[in-house]
Protein backbone atom coordinates (compact mmCIF):
# COMPACT_ATOMS: atom_id res chain seq x y z
CA MET A 1 8.03 11.35 -15.30
CA GLU A 2 5.95 11.66 -18.47
CA GLU A 3 2.32 10.53 -18.23
CA ASP A 4 2.74 7.73 -20.77
CA ALA A 5 5.69 6.31 -18.85
CA LEU A 6 3.73 6.45 -15.60
CA LYS A 7 0.79 4.70 -17.23
CA GLU A 8 3.07 1.96 -18.52
CA LEU A 9 4.56 1.52 -15.04
CA ALA A 10 1.06 1.38 -13.53
CA ARG A 11 0.03 -1.30 -16.03
CA ALA A 12 3.11 -3.36 -15.22
CA LEU A 13 2.40 -3.07 -11.50
CA ALA A 14 -1.26 -3.95 -12.02
CA ASP A 15 -0.26 -7.09 -13.92
CA GLY A 16 1.91 -8.15 -11.01
CA LEU A 17 -0.64 -7.30 -8.30
CA ARG A 18 -3.87 -8.35 -9.98
CA ALA A 19 -3.83 -11.80 -8.38
CA VAL A 20 -4.16 -10.12 -4.98
CA SER A 21 -7.04 -7.81 -5.93
CA ALA A 22 -8.84 -10.49 -7.97
CA HIS A 23 -9.56 -12.63 -4.91
CA ARG A 24 -13.03 -11.38 -3.91
CA PRO A 25 -12.32 -7.75 -4.96
CA GLU A 26 -15.20 -6.44 -2.85
CA LEU A 27 -13.32 -7.63 0.23
CA ALA A 28 -10.52 -5.08 -0.11
CA GLY A 29 -12.65 -1.98 0.33
CA GLN A 30 -14.72 -3.49 3.14
CA LEU A 31 -11.68 -4.57 5.14
CA LEU A 32 -9.78 -1.32 4.66
CA TRP A 33 -12.67 0.72 6.01
CA LEU A 34 -13.04 -1.59 9.01
CA LEU A 35 -9.32 -1.73 9.79
CA ALA A 36 -9.02 2.05 9.42
CA GLU A 37 -11.00 2.30 12.65
CA GLY A 38 -7.74 1.38 14.34
CA ARG A 39 -8.69 -1.97 15.87
CA PRO A 40 -8.35 -5.62 14.78
CA VAL A 41 -11.33 -6.72 12.71
CA SER A 42 -13.05 -9.84 14.02
CA PRO A 43 -14.27 -12.63 11.71
CA ASP A 44 -17.80 -11.83 12.88
CA ARG A 45 -17.56 -8.28 11.58
CA VAL A 46 -16.14 -9.51 8.28
CA ALA A 47 -18.92 -12.09 7.99
CA GLU A 48 -21.55 -9.42 8.56
CA ALA A 49 -19.91 -7.04 6.08
CA ILE A 50 -19.77 -9.51 3.18
CA GLY A 51 -22.84 -11.58 4.01
CA VAL A 52 -21.38 -14.99 4.85
CA SER A 53 -21.08 -17.19 7.93
CA ARG A 54 -18.26 -16.76 10.43
CA GLU A 55 -16.64 -19.99 9.28
CA GLU A 56 -16.84 -18.93 5.63
CA ALA A 57 -15.35 -15.55 6.52
CA ILE A 58 -12.37 -17.19 8.22
CA ASP A 59 -11.78 -19.42 5.18
CA ILE A 60 -11.95 -16.44 2.82
CA LEU A 61 -9.55 -14.42 4.96
CA ARG A 62 -7.05 -17.26 5.23
CA GLU A 63 -7.08 -17.75 1.46
CA SER A 64 -6.55 -14.09 0.62
CA PRO A 65 -2.91 -13.13 -0.11
CA GLY A 66 -3.68 -9.52 0.83
CA VAL A 67 -4.78 -10.25 4.41
CA GLU A 68 -2.81 -10.86 7.61
CA LEU A 69 -4.49 -12.48 10.62
CA ASP A 70 -3.55 -12.63 14.28
CA ASP A 71 -3.73 -15.80 16.39
CA GLU A 72 -7.48 -15.35 16.90
CA ASN A 73 -8.24 -14.92 13.17
CA ASN A 74 -8.77 -11.19 13.54
CA VAL A 75 -7.59 -9.06 10.62
CA ALA A 76 -4.46 -7.20 11.74
CA GLY A 77 -3.36 -6.04 8.28
CA CYS A 78 -4.88 -5.97 4.82
CA PHE A 79 -4.09 -4.65 1.36
CA GLY A 80 -1.37 -2.32 2.60
CA LEU A 81 -2.86 -1.08 5.89
CA ALA A 82 -1.62 -2.46 9.22
CA LEU A 83 -2.00 -2.16 12.97
CA THR A 84 1.46 -3.57 13.72
CA PRO A 85 4.50 -1.28 13.33
CA THR A 86 6.32 -0.97 10.00
CA PRO A 87 8.80 1.67 8.77
CA HIS A 88 5.82 3.65 7.40
CA HIS A 89 3.76 5.38 10.09
CA PHE A 90 0.34 6.45 8.83
CA GLN A 91 -1.68 8.86 10.95
CA MET A 92 -5.27 9.43 9.86
CA GLY A 93 -7.00 11.85 12.21
CA ASP A 94 -6.40 10.52 15.71
CA ARG A 95 -5.77 6.97 14.51
CA GLU A 96 -2.23 5.63 14.60
CA LEU A 97 -1.77 3.11 11.80
CA PHE A 98 0.98 1.80 9.52
CA THR A 99 1.36 0.83 5.89
CA TRP A 100 3.23 -2.09 4.37
CA CYS A 101 5.13 0.08 1.89
CA ALA A 102 5.64 3.63 0.66
CA LEU A 103 3.15 3.33 -2.21
CA ASP A 104 0.43 2.13 0.19
CA ALA A 105 0.83 5.35 2.15
CA LEU A 106 -0.02 7.31 -1.00
CA PHE A 107 -2.98 5.31 -2.34
CA LEU A 108 -4.79 4.69 0.96
CA PRO A 109 -5.90 8.34 1.39
CA ILE A 110 -7.45 8.06 -2.09
CA VAL A 111 -9.26 4.80 -1.28
CA LEU A 112 -10.43 5.91 2.17
CA ASN A 113 -11.13 9.49 1.04
CA ARG A 114 -9.37 10.92 4.09
CA PRO A 115 -6.14 12.91 4.51
CA ALA A 116 -3.19 11.35 6.26
CA ARG A 117 0.21 12.27 7.62
CA VAL A 118 2.95 9.83 6.66
CA GLU A 119 6.21 9.49 8.58
CA SER A 120 8.75 7.10 7.08
CA SER A 121 12.45 6.44 7.49
CA CYS A 122 14.81 6.74 4.54
CA ALA A 123 15.93 3.19 3.75
CA VAL A 124 19.56 4.37 3.35
CA THR A 125 20.18 7.34 5.67
CA GLY A 126 17.54 6.68 8.31
CA LYS A 127 16.39 10.31 8.05
CA LYS A 128 12.70 11.02 8.54
CA VAL A 129 10.55 11.61 5.47
CA LEU A 130 7.30 13.44 6.26
CA ILE A 131 4.45 13.62 3.75
CA GLU A 132 1.01 15.18 3.99
CA VAL A 133 -1.40 13.39 1.66
CA SER A 134 -4.99 14.31 0.83
CA PRO A 135 -7.43 12.26 -1.28
CA ASP A 136 -6.63 14.59 -4.19
CA ALA A 137 -2.96 15.57 -3.98
CA ILE A 138 0.31 15.69 -2.08
CA GLN A 139 0.05 18.64 0.30
CA GLY A 140 3.61 18.70 1.62
CA VAL A 141 6.91 16.82 1.57
CA GLU A 142 9.87 17.13 3.93
CA PRO A 143 12.66 17.11 2.93
CA ALA A 144 11.61 18.69 -0.34
CA GLY A 145 13.87 16.39 -2.39
CA ALA A 146 12.45 13.15 -0.99
CA VAL A 147 11.67 10.42 -3.53
CA MET A 148 10.19 6.94 -3.75
CA ALA A 149 11.84 3.88 -5.32
CA ILE A 150 9.86 0.89 -6.55
CA ILE A 151 10.51 -2.50 -8.14
CA VAL A 152 7.81 -4.11 -10.29
CA PRO A 153 7.01 -7.56 -8.84
CA GLU A 154 6.52 -10.87 -10.58
CA ALA A 155 2.90 -12.05 -10.42
CA SER A 156 3.98 -15.59 -9.54
CA GLU A 157 5.78 -14.30 -6.45
CA VAL A 158 3.15 -11.80 -5.28
CA CYS A 159 0.36 -14.36 -5.05
CA CYS A 160 2.36 -16.28 -2.44
CA ASP A 161 4.14 -13.47 -0.57
CA LEU A 162 2.82 -9.98 -1.22
CA ARG A 163 4.96 -8.22 1.35
CA GLY A 164 8.17 -10.08 0.57
CA ALA A 165 7.81 -9.91 -3.20
CA PHE A 166 6.61 -6.31 -3.44
CA CYS A 167 6.02 -4.24 -0.31
CA ASP A 168 9.50 -4.75 1.14
CA LYS A 169 10.97 -3.31 -2.07
CA VAL A 170 9.09 0.01 -2.13
CA HIS A 171 10.58 2.77 0.02
CA PHE A 172 10.82 6.51 0.56
CA PHE A 173 14.27 8.11 0.50
CA SER A 174 15.40 11.47 1.83
CA SER A 175 17.07 12.33 -1.51
CA SER A 176 17.53 11.03 -5.03
CA GLY A 177 21.16 10.35 -4.16
CA ALA A 178 20.16 8.00 -1.35
CA ALA A 179 17.69 6.28 -3.66
CA ARG A 180 20.35 5.80 -6.35
CA GLU A 181 22.67 4.26 -3.76
CA TRP A 182 19.95 1.75 -2.86
CA ALA A 183 19.08 1.11 -6.52
CA ALA A 184 22.70 0.43 -7.47
CA LYS A 185 22.56 -2.89 -5.62
CA ARG A 186 19.26 -4.01 -7.20
CA LYS A 187 17.72 -4.62 -10.60
CA GLY A 188 14.63 -3.02 -12.11
CA VAL A 189 14.37 -0.02 -9.78
CA THR A 190 12.38 3.06 -10.78
CA ILE A 191 12.90 6.27 -8.79
CA LEU A 192 10.04 8.78 -8.68
CA SER A 193 9.39 12.14 -7.10
CA VAL A 194 6.71 11.96 -4.41
CA ASP A 195 4.28 13.82 -6.68
CA ASP A 196 4.88 11.31 -9.49
CA ALA A 197 4.55 8.44 -7.00
CA TYR A 198 1.15 9.81 -6.00
CA ARG A 199 0.12 9.99 -9.67
CA LEU A 200 1.30 6.39 -10.04
CA ALA A 201 -0.83 5.35 -7.05
CA ARG A 202 -3.93 6.83 -8.66
CA LEU A 203 -3.18 5.23 -12.03
CA LEU A 204 -2.61 1.87 -10.35
CA LEU A 205 -5.97 2.06 -8.61
CA GLU A 206 -7.61 2.86 -11.92
CA SER A 207 -5.93 -0.14 -13.56
CA LEU A 208 -6.83 -2.54 -10.76
CA PHE A 209 -10.33 -1.46 -9.85
CA TRP A 210 -11.99 1.60 -11.32
CA GLN A 211 -11.77 0.71 -14.97
CA SER A 212 -13.41 -2.66 -14.33
CA THR A 213 -16.46 -1.24 -12.59
C-alpha cells in the first residue's frame, strides 16, 4: 500500500482508539513493561510505578478501557498484551504471552524494544501463520503470502469495549484469498501484507503517542 494511504488509515485508527490511550497515557507503557514479565501485575506494583496509593491504582485500572483485571484486581491484560490465551501467541524470549489482535503482535515489539515470535491461526482456514518481528522490521513470515485484515473501529464503541469493537476484528490470514473470503461478509475491511501491517503499526504509534511528546 502507498505511504499516503497507510498514513490515512493510521489516522483513522488513531481517531477511533484515542479514547483508550488518552486515559492516563503514561499508564500504557508502565503496564506493558510490567506485564511483559509474564506474571499478573498487582495493584501494589501499579501504585508504586505511577506514584499513587493502592486504592487509587485500583480505581484507575478499573476505569481504563485498555486494562483487564482478574478477580483479585491484578492486571491480566492491557493495551493488547495478555496472559490468558487468545488466537495470537506471542513469545518474547522465554516468556509465553498472547496478544488481543494481529496488529498488537506487530506494534508490541516496537513499544517493548524486543523481538518476538508470533504464532497465529488463520481466521478462515485455521492454518498457522508464523511471524518473526523485531523492533525495526518484519524478519520472517510463513506462509510467505500471509496477510492481515483490519476494520477501523468507531470511537464510541471502542471506549466501552475495546476488544469487541476492534481487537476481535483484526486477524492474520494464511493467504489473500482467505482474507477476501472473510472480508466478503463484512464492511470496511482493509487487507494488508504483513510488511504493510507492520508499517501501519509504527504509523499508528506515531499518531497516538510519539507526535504528542
